[in-house]
Amino acid sequence: MKPESTPDHLDCIIIGAGIAGLLAATMLNRANMSVRILDKGRGLGGRMATRRQDGAVFDHGAQFFTVRDKRFAPWVAEWCERGLVKTWYELGDAGNHYRGEPGMTAIAKHLATGLDIRKQAHVERTTFTDGQWQVFVGDGEILTASHLLITAPVPQALALLDAGHVKLSRSDDDALRAITFHRCIAALAILDRPSDITAHQGALVLTGEPIQWISDNHRKGISILVPSVTIHSTPSFAEEHWDVDDSVRLPKLLEAASEHLGAHVVSYQGHRWGFSQPLGSFHEEAFVDPQRRLAIAGDGLTGGRVEGAALSGLAAAEALIRLINPTRTAASV
C-alpha cells in the first residue's frame, strides 16, 4: 500500500539532479509518488553540464553518451525525436556517440519539466527516525519523507548518512566505500578560429600527460558562432594541480594542447571536477535497503558513463516502486 503523503511529508526525497536522479524522479512521479529533488548546484544535470561565455558554448563535463542497453534505448529514441539529442560521431563497435542539442544540459532540462526541484539546496545530513527520513538543509529547513534516494557521488552520499549516524551493513558499507573517483581539471578556451581537430567531428582522445581529451565545440555543433574547445586533464595532472590557481594550471594545459589546436586562444576559464571518473563499482546497479526504504544510485555504482548513471537511477526507482507495490515495476509505469 502506498504510504500516505501530506503537504509537509513527501513519499520520496532525491538528493542530486543528475540524470540518475531526474530519471528516477520521473518514474516515481509516474507511480503517483510525491517527490522532491534537492541539488546543491545552480543548474541541472550534474556532469552533463553546458556553459556559455561571450557567445561561446562549452560542454565541459560529460562529452557524449552511448547506448548499449535496451532499457536506455527508448529514452534516447524519444530524445532524438524531440530534437534534444543528435549523433555526434560514430566509432566502430562503440556505435553512435550522442550529444545533447544544443548542449548536454538539454536532456536534464527536458527531464526536469514538471518535477519538484529545489536548486542550491545544501543538504547537511540525513537521519532515519521512527520509520521516516529527515533531510536537514543548510538554511535550517527539515524535510521528511518515507523514502530516500541519494544520487550524489558515492563518497558524498556516505558522508550525508555518516553525518546523521545512519549505519549500513558492514559488507555494503565496505563495498560502497571502496568506490573512489578520479579528479579532472577542465580548461575552456575561446579560439580565434576552429581548431585543426577534424576527426570524429572534433573529438580527440590523447594518451600521456597532461591531457586526456580535447573537444572542439564548434565542430561538435554546439558553439556555432564562436569557436571554442574543452580540454580535460589527466587524473595525475588534476591531483598535482588541484589547489593551484587557474592562472598557473590552465596555461599548462593550453600549451600542451597548442599543437593540436592550430588556432590562437582568445580567452579561457576553468572548472574542477572532483568526481570525474569512478574507480570500481557496486555489485548491483543501485544500492537498496528495503527495511529503511533507502537507495543510492549513480554512475559510481555502475563503473561510469552517462548510460550507467541512467540505468542506476532507473534501477533505484524500480526498487522503491516495488516496496510500495511488489507486483509493479518501473517498466510498467
Protein backbone atom coordinates (compact mmCIF):
# COMPACT_ATOMS: atom_id res chain seq x y z
CA MET A 1 0.00 0.00 0.00
CA LYS A 2 1.28 3.47 -0.90
CA PRO A 3 2.41 5.48 2.16
CA GLU A 4 0.24 8.50 2.89
CA SER A 5 1.77 11.85 2.00
CA THR A 6 0.86 15.31 3.24
CA PRO A 7 1.96 18.82 2.19
CA ASP A 8 4.69 18.58 4.84
CA HIS A 9 5.69 14.99 4.14
CA LEU A 10 6.91 13.53 0.86
CA ASP A 11 6.86 9.99 -0.44
CA CYS A 12 10.46 10.35 -1.58
CA ILE A 13 13.30 12.85 -1.40
CA ILE A 14 16.01 12.58 -4.03
CA ILE A 15 19.38 14.21 -3.43
CA GLY A 16 21.09 15.06 -6.70
CA ALA A 17 19.68 16.35 -10.01
CA GLY A 18 21.94 14.46 -12.37
CA ILE A 19 20.50 12.06 -14.91
CA ALA A 20 20.14 9.29 -12.30
CA GLY A 21 18.05 11.48 -10.00
CA LEU A 22 15.99 13.00 -12.79
CA LEU A 23 15.11 9.67 -14.40
CA ALA A 24 14.28 8.15 -11.01
CA ALA A 25 12.05 11.11 -10.14
CA THR A 26 10.28 10.78 -13.49
CA MET A 27 9.47 7.12 -12.84
CA LEU A 28 8.42 7.70 -9.22
CA ASN A 29 6.13 10.54 -10.30
CA ARG A 30 4.54 8.24 -12.85
CA ALA A 31 3.89 5.83 -9.98
CA ASN A 32 1.97 8.64 -8.23
CA MET A 33 4.63 9.25 -5.60
CA SER A 34 5.25 12.77 -4.34
CA VAL A 35 8.92 13.51 -4.98
CA ARG A 36 11.22 16.44 -4.38
CA ILE A 37 14.75 16.70 -5.76
CA LEU A 38 17.39 18.65 -3.86
CA ASP A 39 20.59 19.72 -5.58
CA LYS A 40 23.37 21.96 -4.29
CA GLY A 41 24.14 23.39 -7.72
CA ARG A 42 22.65 26.31 -9.61
CA GLY A 43 21.95 24.17 -12.66
CA LEU A 44 20.75 20.69 -13.51
CA GLY A 45 22.35 17.59 -14.94
CA GLY A 46 25.40 17.09 -12.74
CA ARG A 47 28.33 16.35 -15.03
CA MET A 48 26.05 16.64 -18.06
CA ALA A 49 27.00 20.30 -17.99
CA THR A 50 26.97 23.10 -20.55
CA ARG A 51 28.40 26.58 -20.03
CA ARG A 52 28.04 29.74 -22.11
CA GLN A 53 30.58 32.57 -22.13
CA ASP A 54 30.99 35.52 -24.51
CA GLY A 55 28.96 33.83 -27.22
CA ALA A 56 30.80 30.51 -26.92
CA VAL A 57 29.23 27.26 -25.72
CA PHE A 58 31.12 24.55 -23.85
CA ASP A 59 30.11 21.03 -22.89
CA HIS A 60 32.58 20.97 -20.03
CA GLY A 61 31.65 17.77 -18.18
CA ALA A 62 30.40 14.58 -19.84
CA GLN A 63 31.08 14.96 -23.55
CA PHE A 64 28.80 12.30 -25.03
CA PHE A 65 26.95 9.10 -24.26
CA THR A 66 26.40 5.78 -25.98
CA VAL A 67 23.57 3.26 -25.86
CA ARG A 68 24.38 -0.36 -25.12
CA ASP A 69 21.39 -1.45 -23.04
CA LYS A 70 17.85 -1.89 -24.37
CA ARG A 71 16.42 -0.28 -21.23
CA PHE A 72 18.10 3.01 -22.07
CA ALA A 73 17.39 2.92 -25.81
CA PRO A 74 13.72 4.06 -25.65
CA TRP A 75 14.65 7.14 -23.67
CA VAL A 76 17.31 8.13 -26.19
CA ALA A 77 14.94 7.43 -29.09
CA GLU A 78 12.40 9.82 -27.56
CA TRP A 79 15.06 12.49 -27.02
CA CYS A 80 16.16 12.13 -30.63
CA GLU A 81 12.56 12.54 -31.82
CA ARG A 82 12.24 15.71 -29.75
CA GLY A 83 15.47 17.11 -31.18
CA LEU A 84 17.20 17.04 -27.79
CA VAL A 85 19.87 14.58 -28.89
CA LYS A 86 21.93 14.22 -32.05
CA THR A 87 24.61 11.82 -33.18
CA TRP A 88 28.00 13.48 -32.74
CA TYR A 89 30.11 10.77 -34.37
CA GLU A 90 30.27 7.02 -34.86
CA LEU A 91 33.17 4.86 -33.77
CA GLY A 92 33.44 1.19 -34.68
CA ASP A 93 31.83 -1.26 -32.28
CA ALA A 94 31.01 1.58 -29.87
CA GLY A 95 28.45 2.86 -32.36
CA ASN A 96 26.81 6.26 -32.13
CA HIS A 97 28.26 8.80 -29.74
CA TYR A 98 25.37 11.10 -28.89
CA ARG A 99 25.43 14.70 -27.72
CA GLY A 100 22.78 16.99 -26.31
CA GLU A 101 21.21 19.66 -28.50
CA PRO A 102 22.10 22.47 -28.03
CA GLY A 103 24.29 21.04 -25.23
CA MET A 104 24.41 18.20 -22.74
CA THR A 105 22.21 20.04 -20.25
CA ALA A 106 19.31 19.96 -22.73
CA ILE A 107 18.46 16.43 -21.62
CA ALA A 108 18.41 17.38 -17.95
CA LYS A 109 16.25 20.44 -18.59
CA HIS A 110 13.77 18.30 -20.50
CA LEU A 111 13.57 15.66 -17.77
CA ALA A 112 13.15 18.37 -15.13
CA THR A 113 9.91 19.63 -16.69
CA GLY A 114 7.10 19.14 -14.20
CA LEU A 115 9.35 17.88 -11.41
CA ASP A 116 9.60 19.45 -7.95
CA ILE A 117 13.24 20.54 -7.86
CA ARG A 118 14.98 22.81 -5.38
CA LYS A 119 18.36 24.04 -6.56
CA GLN A 120 21.13 25.48 -4.38
CA ALA A 121 19.89 23.28 -1.54
CA HIS A 122 22.88 22.29 0.57
CA VAL A 123 21.96 19.10 2.42
CA GLU A 124 23.95 18.73 5.65
CA ARG A 125 22.81 15.33 6.89
CA THR A 126 20.10 12.71 6.71
CA THR A 127 18.61 10.78 9.61
CA PHE A 128 16.17 7.89 9.93
CA THR A 129 13.89 8.14 12.96
CA ASP A 130 10.58 6.43 13.79
CA GLY A 131 10.40 4.91 10.33
CA GLN A 132 10.82 8.19 8.46
CA TRP A 133 13.67 10.03 6.78
CA GLN A 134 14.65 13.53 7.81
CA VAL A 135 16.77 15.62 5.46
CA PHE A 136 18.44 18.66 7.02
CA VAL A 137 19.06 21.52 4.60
CA GLY A 138 21.61 24.24 5.27
CA ASP A 139 19.03 27.01 5.59
CA GLY A 140 17.54 25.28 8.62
CA GLU A 141 14.70 23.52 6.83
CA ILE A 142 13.98 19.89 7.73
CA LEU A 143 12.17 17.79 5.14
CA THR A 144 10.61 14.39 5.89
CA ALA A 145 9.85 11.50 3.57
CA SER A 146 9.05 7.82 3.57
CA HIS A 147 11.80 7.03 1.04
CA LEU A 148 15.24 8.48 0.38
CA LEU A 149 17.30 8.21 -2.79
CA ILE A 150 20.79 9.71 -2.90
CA THR A 151 22.34 10.13 -6.35
CA ALA A 152 25.25 12.35 -5.34
CA PRO A 153 28.70 10.77 -5.87
CA VAL A 154 29.07 7.79 -3.55
CA PRO A 155 31.59 9.42 -1.15
CA GLN A 156 29.21 12.36 -0.72
CA ALA A 157 26.24 10.05 -0.25
CA LEU A 158 28.03 8.16 2.50
CA ALA A 159 29.09 11.42 4.16
CA LEU A 160 25.43 12.51 4.39
CA LEU A 161 24.49 9.19 6.01
CA ASP A 162 27.51 9.35 8.33
CA ALA A 163 26.56 12.86 9.44
CA GLY A 164 23.15 11.55 10.51
CA HIS A 165 24.57 8.40 12.13
CA VAL A 166 22.88 6.11 9.60
CA LYS A 167 24.77 2.82 9.55
CA LEU A 168 24.80 0.36 6.68
CA SER A 169 25.65 -3.31 6.93
CA ARG A 170 29.38 -3.96 7.11
CA SER A 171 29.55 -5.63 3.71
CA ASP A 172 27.55 -2.93 1.91
CA ASP A 173 29.45 -0.16 3.66
CA ASP A 174 32.79 -1.68 2.69
CA ALA A 175 31.70 -2.17 -0.91
CA LEU A 176 30.43 1.39 -1.27
CA ARG A 177 33.43 2.99 0.43
CA ALA A 178 35.71 1.13 -1.97
CA ILE A 179 34.28 3.27 -4.80
CA THR A 180 36.55 6.26 -5.35
CA PHE A 181 36.82 8.84 -8.11
CA HIS A 182 39.44 10.42 -10.31
CA ARG A 183 39.56 14.20 -10.42
CA CYS A 184 39.72 16.29 -13.58
CA ILE A 185 40.57 19.90 -14.38
CA ALA A 186 38.83 21.37 -17.43
CA ALA A 187 40.18 24.26 -19.47
CA LEU A 188 37.52 26.06 -21.52
CA ALA A 189 39.11 28.17 -24.25
CA ILE A 190 37.68 30.52 -26.87
CA LEU A 191 39.66 30.42 -30.12
CA ASP A 192 40.09 32.86 -32.99
CA ARG A 193 39.15 30.08 -35.45
CA PRO A 194 38.01 26.45 -35.37
CA SER A 195 40.76 24.10 -34.29
CA ASP A 196 42.61 21.65 -36.53
CA ILE A 197 40.83 18.75 -34.81
CA THR A 198 38.68 17.43 -37.64
CA ALA A 199 38.48 13.67 -36.96
CA HIS A 200 35.30 12.46 -35.27
CA GLN A 201 33.75 15.92 -35.65
CA GLY A 202 36.24 17.50 -33.30
CA ALA A 203 36.77 14.77 -30.67
CA LEU A 204 40.35 13.87 -29.77
CA VAL A 205 41.48 11.29 -27.21
CA LEU A 206 45.09 11.60 -26.09
CA THR A 207 47.46 9.32 -24.23
CA GLY A 208 50.19 10.58 -21.95
CA GLU A 209 50.30 13.73 -19.87
CA PRO A 210 48.77 16.18 -19.12
CA ILE A 211 45.66 15.93 -21.37
CA GLN A 212 43.28 13.05 -21.91
CA TRP A 213 40.60 14.73 -24.03
CA ILE A 214 40.06 17.73 -26.32
CA SER A 215 36.71 18.60 -27.85
CA ASP A 216 36.15 21.27 -30.47
CA ASN A 217 32.74 22.56 -29.50
CA HIS A 218 32.35 24.35 -32.85
CA ARG A 219 32.90 21.22 -34.93
CA LYS A 220 30.76 19.33 -32.42
CA GLY A 221 27.91 21.61 -33.43
CA ILE A 222 27.14 23.34 -30.14
CA SER A 223 29.27 26.51 -30.35
CA ILE A 224 28.30 27.66 -33.80
CA LEU A 225 29.09 31.36 -33.64
CA VAL A 226 32.25 31.37 -31.54
CA PRO A 227 34.92 28.62 -31.86
CA SER A 228 35.79 27.02 -28.54
CA VAL A 229 37.43 23.91 -27.11
CA THR A 230 37.06 21.90 -23.93
CA ILE A 231 40.26 20.35 -22.60
CA HIS A 232 40.18 17.68 -19.89
CA SER A 233 43.28 16.96 -17.87
CA THR A 234 44.56 13.57 -16.86
CA PRO A 235 43.85 12.44 -13.27
CA SER A 236 47.51 12.82 -12.29
CA PHE A 237 47.64 16.42 -13.53
CA ALA A 238 44.46 17.17 -11.60
CA GLU A 239 45.86 15.73 -8.39
CA GLU A 240 49.09 17.66 -8.73
CA HIS A 241 47.41 20.96 -9.60
CA TRP A 242 44.11 20.72 -7.71
CA ASP A 243 44.84 23.64 -5.39
CA VAL A 244 46.92 25.61 -7.88
CA ASP A 245 45.43 28.83 -9.24
CA ASP A 246 43.82 28.77 -12.69
CA SER A 247 46.33 31.37 -13.85
CA VAL A 248 49.06 28.77 -13.38
CA ARG A 249 47.49 25.42 -14.22
CA LEU A 250 45.30 26.34 -17.20
CA PRO A 251 48.16 27.79 -19.32
CA LYS A 252 49.97 24.47 -18.88
CA LEU A 253 47.01 22.62 -20.40
CA LEU A 254 46.64 25.17 -23.19
CA GLU A 255 50.33 24.95 -24.05
CA ALA A 256 50.15 21.15 -24.19
CA ALA A 257 47.08 21.41 -26.44
CA SER A 258 48.52 24.04 -28.78
CA GLU A 259 49.99 21.56 -31.26
CA HIS A 260 46.50 20.15 -31.85
CA LEU A 261 44.61 23.43 -31.98
CA GLY A 262 46.27 25.37 -34.80
CA ALA A 263 44.49 28.48 -33.52
CA HIS A 264 45.12 31.26 -31.04
CA VAL A 265 43.43 31.32 -27.64
CA VAL A 266 41.36 34.48 -27.18
CA SER A 267 40.33 33.83 -23.58
CA TYR A 268 39.96 30.92 -21.18
CA GLN A 269 38.41 29.80 -17.92
CA GLY A 270 38.49 26.64 -15.84
CA HIS A 271 36.39 24.17 -13.92
CA ARG A 272 37.29 21.46 -11.41
CA TRP A 273 35.50 18.10 -11.37
CA GLY A 274 36.11 16.43 -8.02
CA PHE A 275 34.19 13.29 -9.01
CA SER A 276 35.03 12.89 -12.66
CA GLN A 277 35.52 9.17 -13.25
CA PRO A 278 34.60 6.40 -10.80
CA LEU A 279 37.07 3.71 -9.87
CA GLY A 280 35.33 0.45 -9.10
CA SER A 281 31.63 -0.36 -9.00
CA PHE A 282 28.94 -1.94 -6.82
CA HIS A 283 27.65 -5.48 -7.29
CA GLU A 284 24.21 -4.12 -8.18
CA GLU A 285 23.14 -1.20 -10.37
CA ALA A 286 21.79 0.52 -7.26
CA PHE A 287 22.16 0.03 -3.53
CA VAL A 288 18.81 -0.56 -1.83
CA ASP A 289 17.98 -1.01 1.85
CA PRO A 290 14.33 -2.15 1.77
CA GLN A 291 13.85 -2.02 5.53
CA ARG A 292 14.64 1.69 5.66
CA ARG A 293 13.47 2.45 2.12
CA LEU A 294 16.87 3.87 1.23
CA ALA A 295 18.59 3.77 -2.15
CA ILE A 296 21.89 5.06 -3.51
CA ALA A 297 22.35 5.38 -7.26
CA GLY A 298 24.65 6.99 -9.83
CA ASP A 299 27.46 6.22 -12.22
CA GLY A 300 29.79 5.28 -9.36
CA LEU A 301 27.83 2.08 -8.79
CA THR A 302 27.99 1.05 -12.43
CA GLY A 303 31.59 1.94 -13.22
CA GLY A 304 30.95 5.22 -15.03
CA ARG A 305 29.34 6.50 -18.23
CA VAL A 306 26.12 8.50 -18.66
CA GLU A 307 24.21 5.35 -19.56
CA GLY A 308 25.44 3.68 -16.38
CA ALA A 309 24.12 6.56 -14.28
CA ALA A 310 20.79 6.41 -16.09
CA LEU A 311 20.41 2.67 -15.56
CA SER A 312 21.34 3.05 -11.90
CA GLY A 313 18.64 5.69 -11.40
CA LEU A 314 16.05 3.55 -13.15
CA ALA A 315 17.03 0.51 -11.06
CA ALA A 316 16.67 2.51 -7.85
CA ALA A 317 13.25 3.80 -8.91
CA GLU A 318 12.07 0.30 -9.76
CA ALA A 319 13.21 -1.00 -6.37
CA LEU A 320 11.42 1.80 -4.50
CA ILE A 321 8.23 1.30 -6.52
CA ARG A 322 8.30 -2.42 -5.70
CA LEU A 323 8.45 -1.59 -2.00
CA ILE A 324 5.03 0.01 -2.37
CA ASN A 325 3.57 -2.48 -4.82
CA PRO A 326 5.58 -5.70 -5.18
CA THR A 327 3.74 -6.62 -8.40
CA ARG A 328 4.57 -3.37 -10.14
CA THR A 329 7.83 -2.39 -11.86
CA ALA A 330 9.15 0.90 -13.19
CA ALA A 331 8.92 -0.50 -16.71
CA SER A 332 5.15 -0.88 -16.32
CA VAL A 333 4.62 2.66 -15.01
